């Protein structure tokens, strides 16, 4: 095996490792966000939909429920930012 071939293999191995780390970070972020959405956001989304159905989309209760839901989404997204690629 030549030195040049060894160097090429080493570069490929480093790239493969970096790709795997990136995929792993993305998966961790996705899982954390999904869990947080289920725990903290989904119930607020259902509450918003229910108030819209009962009072209409522009009623004060619906608007408040919508802001609560979207605020919770933003909080989860801030807590678990997507990794930079």
PDB file of N, CA and C in Angstrom:
ATOM      1  N   UNK A   1       0.855  -1.170   0.000  1.00  0.00           N
ATOM      2  CA  UNK A   1       0.000   0.000   0.000  1.00  0.00           C
ATOM      3  C   UNK A   1       0.898   1.229   0.000  1.00  0.00           C
ATOM      4  N   UNK A   2       0.602   2.162  -0.861  1.00  0.00           N
ATOM      5  CA  UNK A   2       1.435   3.353  -0.971  1.00  0.00           C
ATOM      6  C   UNK A   2       0.991   4.391   0.051  1.00  0.00           C
ATOM      7  N   UNK A   3       1.878   5.337   0.284  1.00  0.00           N
ATOM      8  CA  UNK A   3       1.589   6.424   1.226  1.00  0.00           C
ATOM      9  C   UNK A   3       0.403   7.250   0.740  1.00  0.00           C
ATOM     10  N   UNK A   4       0.349   7.473  -0.582  1.00  0.00           N
ATOM     11  CA  UNK A   4      -0.748   8.248  -1.153  1.00  0.00           C
ATOM     12  C   UNK A   4      -2.078   7.528  -0.946  1.00  0.00           C
ATOM     13  N   UNK A   5      -2.086   6.215  -1.147  1.00  0.00           N
ATOM     14  CA  UNK A   5      -3.295   5.417  -0.965  1.00  0.00           C
ATOM     15  C   UNK A   5      -3.733   5.445   0.498  1.00  0.00           C
ATOM     16  N   UNK A   6      -2.789   5.339   1.406  1.00  0.00           N
ATOM     17  CA  UNK A   6      -3.094   5.383   2.833  1.00  0.00           C
ATOM     18  C   UNK A   6      -3.689   6.728   3.216  1.00  0.00           C
ATOM     19  N   UNK A   7      -3.126   7.794   2.669  1.00  0.00           N
ATOM     20  CA  UNK A   7      -3.641   9.135   2.944  1.00  0.00           C
ATOM     21  C   UNK A   7      -5.071   9.289   2.442  1.00  0.00           C
ATOM     22  N   UNK A   8      -5.343   8.752   1.264  1.00  0.00           N
ATOM     23  CA  UNK A   8      -6.688   8.825   0.701  1.00  0.00           C
ATOM     24  C   UNK A   8      -7.674   8.046   1.568  1.00  0.00           C
ATOM     25  N   UNK A   9      -7.287   6.872   2.012  1.00  0.00           N
ATOM     26  CA  UNK A   9      -8.143   6.075   2.885  1.00  0.00           C
ATOM     27  C   UNK A   9      -8.412   6.794   4.203  1.00  0.00           C
ATOM     28  N   UNK A  10      -7.391   7.432   4.745  1.00  0.00           N
ATOM     29  CA  UNK A  10      -7.559   8.161   6.002  1.00  0.00           C
ATOM     30  C   UNK A  10      -8.528   9.323   5.816  1.00  0.00           C
ATOM     31  N   UNK A  11      -8.418  10.042   4.712  1.00  0.00           N
ATOM     32  CA  UNK A  11      -9.332  11.158   4.442  1.00  0.00           C
ATOM     33  C   UNK A  11     -10.761  10.659   4.293  1.00  0.00           C
ATOM     34  N   UNK A  12     -10.919   9.530   3.607  1.00  0.00           N
ATOM     35  CA  UNK A  12     -12.258   8.964   3.443  1.00  0.00           C
ATOM     36  C   UNK A  12     -12.834   8.525   4.783  1.00  0.00           C
ATOM     37  N   UNK A  13     -12.002   7.962   5.632  1.00  0.00           N
ATOM     38  CA  UNK A  13     -12.458   7.520   6.950  1.00  0.00           C
ATOM     39  C   UNK A  13     -12.889   8.714   7.804  1.00  0.00           C
ATOM     40  N   UNK A  14     -12.125   9.794   7.758  1.00  0.00           N
ATOM     41  CA  UNK A  14     -12.477  10.996   8.514  1.00  0.00           C
ATOM     42  C   UNK A  14     -13.788  11.569   7.998  1.00  0.00           C
ATOM     43  N   UNK A  15     -13.961  11.613   6.692  1.00  0.00           N
ATOM     44  CA  UNK A  15     -15.204  12.135   6.111  1.00  0.00           C
ATOM     45  C   UNK A  15     -16.395  11.272   6.504  1.00  0.00           C
ATOM     46  N   UNK A  16     -16.219   9.969   6.470  1.00  0.00           N
ATOM     47  CA  UNK A  16     -17.286   9.050   6.856  1.00  0.00           C
ATOM     48  C   UNK A  16     -17.657   9.249   8.321  1.00  0.00           C
ATOM     49  N   UNK A  17     -16.659   9.414   9.181  1.00  0.00           N
ATOM     50  CA  UNK A  17     -16.902   9.653  10.602  1.00  0.00           C
ATOM     51  C   UNK A  17     -17.648  10.976  10.809  1.00  0.00           C
ATOM     52  N   UNK A  18     -17.230  12.013  10.121  1.00  0.00           N
ATOM     53  CA  UNK A  18     -17.903  13.309  10.240  1.00  0.00           C
ATOM     54  C   UNK A  18     -19.348  13.231   9.759  1.00  0.00           C
ATOM     55  N   UNK A  19     -19.579  12.519   8.671  1.00  0.00           N
ATOM     56  CA  UNK A  19     -20.939  12.334   8.168  1.00  0.00           C
ATOM     57  C   UNK A  19     -21.806  11.596   9.193  1.00  0.00           C
ATOM     58  N   UNK A  20     -21.241  10.581   9.816  1.00  0.00           N
ATOM     59  CA  UNK A  20     -21.972   9.813  10.825  1.00  0.00           C
ATOM     60  C   UNK A  20     -22.298  10.687  12.040  1.00  0.00           C
ATOM     61  N   UNK A  21     -21.354  11.520  12.450  1.00  0.00           N
ATOM     62  CA  UNK A  21     -21.601  12.423  13.582  1.00  0.00           C
ATOM     63  C   UNK A  21     -22.726  13.400  13.257  1.00  0.00           C
ATOM     64  N   UNK A  22     -22.716  13.933  12.045  1.00  0.00           N
ATOM     65  CA  UNK A  22     -23.752  14.871  11.623  1.00  0.00           C
ATOM     66  C   UNK A  22     -25.116  14.200  11.624  1.00  0.00           C
ATOM     67  N   UNK A  23     -25.188  12.999  11.076  1.00  0.00           N
ATOM     68  CA  UNK A  23     -26.451  12.263  11.055  1.00  0.00           C
ATOM     69  C   UNK A  23     -26.936  11.956  12.470  1.00  0.00           C
ATOM     70  N   UNK A  24     -26.000  11.623  13.346  1.00  0.00           N
ATOM     71  CA  UNK A  24     -26.342  11.320  14.736  1.00  0.00           C
ATOM     72  C   UNK A  24     -26.887  12.568  15.438  1.00  0.00           C
ATOM     73  N   UNK A  25     -26.236  13.716  15.244  1.00  0.00           N
ATOM     74  CA  UNK A  25     -26.712  14.961  15.849  1.00  0.00           C
ATOM     75  C   UNK A  25     -28.108  15.311  15.344  1.00  0.00           C
ATOM     76  N   UNK A  26     -28.325  15.135  14.050  1.00  0.00           N
ATOM     77  CA  UNK A  26     -29.635  15.417  13.469  1.00  0.00           C
ATOM     78  C   UNK A  26     -30.704  14.502  14.081  1.00  0.00           C
ATOM     79  N   UNK A  27     -30.379  13.236  14.232  1.00  0.00           N
ATOM     80  CA  UNK A  27     -31.330  12.280  14.809  1.00  0.00           C
ATOM     81  C   UNK A  27     -31.630  12.617  16.270  1.00  0.00           C
ATOM     82  N   UNK A  28     -30.607  12.990  17.041  1.00  0.00           N
ATOM     83  CA  UNK A  28     -30.826  13.361  18.441  1.00  0.00           C
ATOM     84  C   UNK A  28     -31.729  14.586  18.553  1.00  0.00           C
ATOM     85  N   UNK A  29     -31.471  15.577  17.713  1.00  0.00           N
ATOM     86  CA  UNK A  29     -32.286  16.792  17.718  1.00  0.00           C
ATOM     87  C   UNK A  29     -33.729  16.465  17.350  1.00  0.00           C
ATOM     88  N   UNK A  30     -33.898  15.667  16.320  1.00  0.00           N
ATOM     89  CA  UNK A  30     -35.245  15.300  15.868  1.00  0.00           C
ATOM     90  C   UNK A  30     -35.999  14.554  16.964  1.00  0.00           C
ATOM     91  N   UNK A  31     -35.339  13.605  17.614  1.00  0.00           N
ATOM     92  CA  UNK A  31     -35.985  12.844  18.688  1.00  0.00           C
ATOM     93  C   UNK A  31     -36.338  13.742  19.870  1.00  0.00           C
ATOM     94  N   UNK A  32     -35.422  14.621  20.254  1.00  0.00           N
ATOM     95  CA  UNK A  32     -35.681  15.522  21.379  1.00  0.00           C
ATOM     96  C   UNK A  32     -36.846  16.452  21.058  1.00  0.00           C
ATOM     97  N   UNK A  33     -36.855  16.994  19.857  1.00  0.00           N
ATOM     98  CA  UNK A  33     -37.960  17.871  19.461  1.00  0.00           C
ATOM     99  C   UNK A  33     -39.285  17.112  19.442  1.00  0.00           C
ATOM    100  N   UNK A  34     -39.292  15.929  18.856  1.00  0.00           N
ATOM    101  CA  UNK A  34     -40.534  15.149  18.798  1.00  0.00           C
ATOM    102  C   UNK A  34     -41.075  14.855  20.186  1.00  0.00           C
ATOM    103  N   UNK A  35     -40.202  14.468  21.106  1.00  0.00           N
ATOM    104  CA  UNK A  35     -40.636  14.180  22.474  1.00  0.00           C
ATOM    105  C   UNK A  35     -41.187  15.433  23.146  1.00  0.00           C
ATOM    106  N   UNK A  36     -40.496  16.552  22.977  1.00  0.00           N
ATOM    107  CA  UNK A  36     -40.951  17.806  23.584  1.00  0.00           C
ATOM    108  C   UNK A  36     -42.262  18.266  22.963  1.00  0.00           C
ATOM    109  N   UNK A  37     -42.393  18.131  21.648  1.00  0.00           N
ATOM    110  CA  UNK A  37     -43.656  18.496  21.004  1.00  0.00           C
ATOM    111  C   UNK A  37     -44.809  17.678  21.582  1.00  0.00           C
ATOM    112  N   UNK A  38     -44.594  16.379  21.750  1.00  0.00           N
ATOM    113  CA  UNK A  38     -45.652  15.522  22.282  1.00  0.00           C
ATOM    114  C   UNK A  38     -46.013  15.906  23.713  1.00  0.00           C
ATOM    115  N   UNK A  39     -44.993  16.181  24.536  1.00  0.00           N
ATOM    116  CA  UNK A  39     -45.232  16.503  25.945  1.00  0.00           C
ATOM    117  C   UNK A  39     -45.812  17.901  26.138  1.00  0.00           C
ATOM    118  N   UNK A  40     -45.324  18.872  25.374  1.00  0.00           N
ATOM    119  CA  UNK A  40     -45.598  20.269  25.680  1.00  0.00           C
ATOM    120  C   UNK A  40     -46.478  21.004  24.665  1.00  0.00           C
ATOM    121  N   UNK A  41     -46.518  20.535  23.431  1.00  0.00           N
ATOM    122  CA  UNK A  41     -47.138  21.336  22.373  1.00  0.00           C
ATOM    123  C   UNK A  41     -48.430  20.721  21.841  1.00  0.00           C
ATOM    124  N   UNK A  42     -48.467  19.428  21.677  1.00  0.00           N
ATOM    125  CA  UNK A  42     -49.620  18.801  21.028  1.00  0.00           C
ATOM    126  C   UNK A  42     -50.941  19.117  21.739  1.00  0.00           C
ATOM    127  N   UNK A  43     -50.942  19.075  23.064  1.00  0.00           N
ATOM    128  CA  UNK A  43     -52.161  19.380  23.808  1.00  0.00           C
ATOM    129  C   UNK A  43     -52.643  20.803  23.556  1.00  0.00           C
ATOM    130  N   UNK A  44     -51.698  21.730  23.442  1.00  0.00           N
ATOM    131  CA  UNK A  44     -52.063  23.121  23.158  1.00  0.00           C
ATOM    132  C   UNK A  44     -52.611  23.273  21.743  1.00  0.00           C
ATOM    133  N   UNK A  45     -52.083  22.498  20.809  1.00  0.00           N
ATOM    134  CA  UNK A  45     -52.603  22.530  19.444  1.00  0.00           C
ATOM    135  C   UNK A  45     -54.043  22.024  19.409  1.00  0.00           C
ATOM    136  N   UNK A  46     -54.323  20.952  20.145  1.00  0.00           N
ATOM    137  CA  UNK A  46     -55.686  20.427  20.199  1.00  0.00           C
ATOM    138  C   UNK A  46     -56.631  21.421  20.880  1.00  0.00           C
ATOM    139  N   UNK A  47     -56.125  22.090  21.911  1.00  0.00           N
ATOM    140  CA  UNK A  47     -56.947  23.096  22.582  1.00  0.00           C
ATOM    141  C   UNK A  47     -57.272  24.238  21.611  1.00  0.00           C
ATOM    142  N   UNK A  48     -56.292  24.649  20.842  1.00  0.00           N
ATOM    143  CA  UNK A  48     -56.525  25.703  19.845  1.00  0.00           C
ATOM    144  C   UNK A  48     -57.581  25.256  18.832  1.00  0.00           C
ATOM    145  N   UNK A  49     -57.443  24.049  18.318  1.00  0.00           N
ATOM    146  CA  UNK A  49     -58.417  23.547  17.347  1.00  0.00           C
ATOM    147  C   UNK A  49     -59.819  23.460  17.951  1.00  0.00           C
ATOM    148  N   UNK A  50     -59.890  23.056  19.204  1.00  0.00           N
ATOM    149  CA  UNK A  50     -61.196  22.953  19.866  1.00  0.00           C
ATOM    150  C   UNK A  50     -61.825  24.332  20.061  1.00  0.00           C
ATOM    151  N   UNK A  51     -61.035  25.318  20.454  1.00  0.00           N
ATOM    152  CA  UNK A  51     -61.601  26.661  20.633  1.00  0.00           C
ATOM    153  C   UNK A  51     -62.018  27.259  19.296  1.00  0.00           C
ATOM    154  N   UNK A  52     -61.262  26.956  18.242  1.00  0.00           N
ATOM    155  CA  UNK A  52     -61.658  27.418  16.901  1.00  0.00           C
ATOM    156  C   UNK A  52     -62.999  26.803  16.499  1.00  0.00           C
ATOM    157  N   UNK A  53     -63.154  25.525  16.773  1.00  0.00           N
ATOM    158  CA  UNK A  53     -64.396  24.841  16.415  1.00  0.00           C
ATOM    159  C   UNK A  53     -65.568  25.377  17.222  1.00  0.00           C
ATOM    160  N   UNK A  54     -65.312  25.707  18.480  1.00  0.00           N
ATOM    161  CA  UNK A  54     -66.404  26.149  19.353  1.00  0.00           C
ATOM    162  C   UNK A  54     -66.722  27.631  19.174  1.00  0.00           C
ATOM    163  N   UNK A  55     -65.695  28.481  19.075  1.00  0.00           N
ATOM    164  CA  UNK A  55     -65.910  29.924  19.080  1.00  0.00           C
ATOM    165  C   UNK A  55     -65.581  30.617  17.762  1.00  0.00           C
ATOM    166  N   UNK A  56     -64.863  29.942  16.884  1.00  0.00           N
ATOM    167  CA  UNK A  56     -64.427  30.568  15.649  1.00  0.00           C
ATOM    168  C   UNK A  56     -62.967  30.990  15.749  1.00  0.00           C
ATOM    169  N   UNK A  57     -62.346  31.090  14.610  1.00  0.00           N
ATOM    170  CA  UNK A  57     -60.900  31.338  14.543  1.00  0.00           C
ATOM    171  C   UNK A  57     -60.485  32.701  15.100  1.00  0.00           C
ATOM    172  N   UNK A  58     -61.361  33.689  15.030  1.00  0.00           N
ATOM    173  CA  UNK A  58     -60.984  35.050  15.407  1.00  0.00           C
ATOM    174  C   UNK A  58     -61.458  35.461  16.804  1.00  0.00           C
ATOM    175  N   UNK A  59     -62.037  34.535  17.531  1.00  0.00           N
ATOM    176  CA  UNK A  59     -62.476  34.811  18.898  1.00  0.00           C
ATOM    177  C   UNK A  59     -61.245  34.974  19.794  1.00  0.00           C
ATOM    178  N   UNK A  60     -61.378  35.782  20.832  1.00  0.00           N
ATOM    179  CA  UNK A  60     -60.257  36.057  21.740  1.00  0.00           C
ATOM    180  C   UNK A  60     -59.697  34.772  22.366  1.00  0.00           C
ATOM    181  N   UNK A  61     -60.577  33.858  22.731  1.00  0.00           N
ATOM    182  CA  UNK A  61     -60.106  32.597  23.322  1.00  0.00           C
ATOM    183  C   UNK A  61     -59.289  31.785  22.316  1.00  0.00           C
ATOM    184  N   UNK A  62     -59.727  31.784  21.071  1.00  0.00           N
ATOM    185  CA  UNK A  62     -58.998  31.059  20.024  1.00  0.00           C
ATOM    186  C   UNK A  62     -57.638  31.713  19.769  1.00  0.00           C
ATOM    187  N   UNK A  63     -57.620  33.031  19.720  1.00  0.00           N
ATOM    188  CA  UNK A  63     -56.361  33.739  19.486  1.00  0.00           C
ATOM    189  C   UNK A  63     -55.376  33.506  20.628  1.00  0.00           C
ATOM    190  N   UNK A  64     -55.896  33.487  21.862  1.00  0.00           N
ATOM    191  CA  UNK A  64     -55.027  33.211  23.017  1.00  0.00           C
ATOM    192  C   UNK A  64     -54.494  31.775  22.961  1.00  0.00           C
ATOM    193  N   UNK A  65     -55.357  30.842  22.617  1.00  0.00           N
ATOM    194  CA  UNK A  65     -54.928  29.438  22.510  1.00  0.00           C
ATOM    195  C   UNK A  65     -53.883  29.277  21.411  1.00  0.00           C
ATOM    196  N   UNK A  66     -54.080  29.998  20.309  1.00  0.00           N
ATOM    197  CA  UNK A  66     -53.112  29.928  19.205  1.00  0.00           C
ATOM    198  C   UNK A  66     -51.752  30.460  19.637  1.00  0.00           C
ATOM    199  N   UNK A  67     -51.738  31.582  20.347  1.00  0.00           N
ATOM    200  CA  UNK A  67     -50.471  32.151  20.819  1.00  0.00           C
ATOM    201  C   UNK A  67     -49.782  31.225  21.821  1.00  0.00           C
ATOM    202  N   UNK A  68     -50.554  30.587  22.677  1.00  0.00           N
ATOM    203  CA  UNK A  68     -49.973  29.622  23.623  1.00  0.00           C
ATOM    204  C   UNK A  68     -49.321  28.464  22.883  1.00  0.00           C
ATOM    205  N   UNK A  69     -50.019  27.943  21.897  1.00  0.00           N
ATOM    206  CA  UNK A  69     -49.513  26.831  21.098  1.00  0.00           C
ATOM    207  C   UNK A  69     -48.242  27.225  20.347  1.00  0.00           C
ATOM    208  N   UNK A  70     -48.293  28.349  19.625  1.00  0.00           N
ATOM    209  CA  UNK A  70     -47.120  28.774  18.845  1.00  0.00           C
ATOM    210  C   UNK A  70     -45.948  29.160  19.747  1.00  0.00           C
ATOM    211  N   UNK A  71     -46.240  29.742  20.898  1.00  0.00           N
ATOM    212  CA  UNK A  71     -45.173  30.068  21.851  1.00  0.00           C
ATOM    213  C   UNK A  71     -44.474  28.816  22.358  1.00  0.00           C
ATOM    214  N   UNK A  72     -45.248  27.785  22.634  1.00  0.00           N
ATOM    215  CA  UNK A  72     -44.670  26.514  23.084  1.00  0.00           C
ATOM    216  C   UNK A  72     -43.811  25.899  21.977  1.00  0.00           C
ATOM    217  N   UNK A  73     -44.268  25.997  20.722  1.00  0.00           N
ATOM    218  CA  UNK A  73     -43.467  25.489  19.586  1.00  0.00           C
ATOM    219  C   UNK A  73     -42.130  26.228  19.495  1.00  0.00           C
ATOM    220  N   UNK A  74     -42.200  27.557  19.606  1.00  0.00           N
ATOM    221  CA  UNK A  74     -40.965  28.348  19.529  1.00  0.00           C
ATOM    222  C   UNK A  74     -40.006  28.002  20.667  1.00  0.00           C
ATOM    223  N   UNK A  75     -40.559  27.757  21.849  1.00  0.00           N
ATOM    224  CA  UNK A  75     -39.723  27.400  23.000  1.00  0.00           C
ATOM    225  C   UNK A  75     -39.002  26.071  22.763  1.00  0.00           C
ATOM    226  N   UNK A  76     -39.704  25.095  22.214  1.00  0.00           N
ATOM    227  CA  UNK A  76     -39.084  23.798  21.907  1.00  0.00           C
ATOM    228  C   UNK A  76     -38.005  23.980  20.848  1.00  0.00           C
ATOM    229  N   UNK A  77     -38.301  24.741  19.810  1.00  0.00           N
ATOM    230  CA  UNK A  77     -37.323  24.964  18.742  1.00  0.00           C
ATOM    231  C   UNK A  77     -36.087  25.690  19.259  1.00  0.00           C
ATOM    232  N   UNK A  78     -36.267  26.611  20.195  1.00  0.00           N
ATOM    233  CA  UNK A  78     -35.119  27.323  20.775  1.00  0.00           C
ATOM    234  C   UNK A  78     -34.300  26.405  21.675  1.00  0.00           C
ATOM    235  N   UNK A  79     -34.985  25.529  22.392  1.00  0.00           N
ATOM    236  CA  UNK A  79     -34.296  24.614  23.303  1.00  0.00           C
ATOM    237  C   UNK A  79     -33.542  23.518  22.557  1.00  0.00           C
ATOM    238  N   UNK A  80     -34.066  23.114  21.403  1.00  0.00           N
ATOM    239  CA  UNK A  80     -33.443  22.070  20.586  1.00  0.00           C
ATOM    240  C   UNK A  80     -33.210  22.592  19.177  1.00  0.00           C
ATOM    241  N   UNK A  81     -32.245  23.492  19.001  1.00  0.00           N
ATOM    242  CA  UNK A  81     -31.996  24.029  17.655  1.00  0.00           C
ATOM    243  C   UNK A  81     -31.429  22.951  16.734  1.00  0.00           C
ATOM    244  N   UNK A  82     -31.801  23.063  15.481  1.00  0.00           N
ATOM    245  CA  UNK A  82     -31.268  22.111  14.497  1.00  0.00           C
ATOM    246  C   UNK A  82     -29.770  22.365  14.337  1.00  0.00           C
ATOM    247  N   UNK A  83     -28.980  21.290  14.252  1.00  0.00           N
ATOM    248  CA  UNK A  83     -27.531  21.458  14.090  1.00  0.00           C
ATOM    249  C   UNK A  83     -27.205  22.122  12.757  1.00  0.00           C
ATOM    250  N   UNK A  84     -26.163  22.925  12.752  1.00  0.00           N
ATOM    251  CA  UNK A  84     -25.691  23.535  11.505  1.00  0.00           C
ATOM    252  C   UNK A  84     -24.926  22.486  10.693  1.00  0.00           C
ATOM    253  N   UNK A  85     -25.122  22.550   9.416  1.00  0.00           N
ATOM    254  CA  UNK A  85     -24.435  21.592   8.535  1.00  0.00           C
ATOM    255  C   UNK A  85     -23.484  22.322   7.653  1.00  0.00           C
TER     256      UNK A  85
END
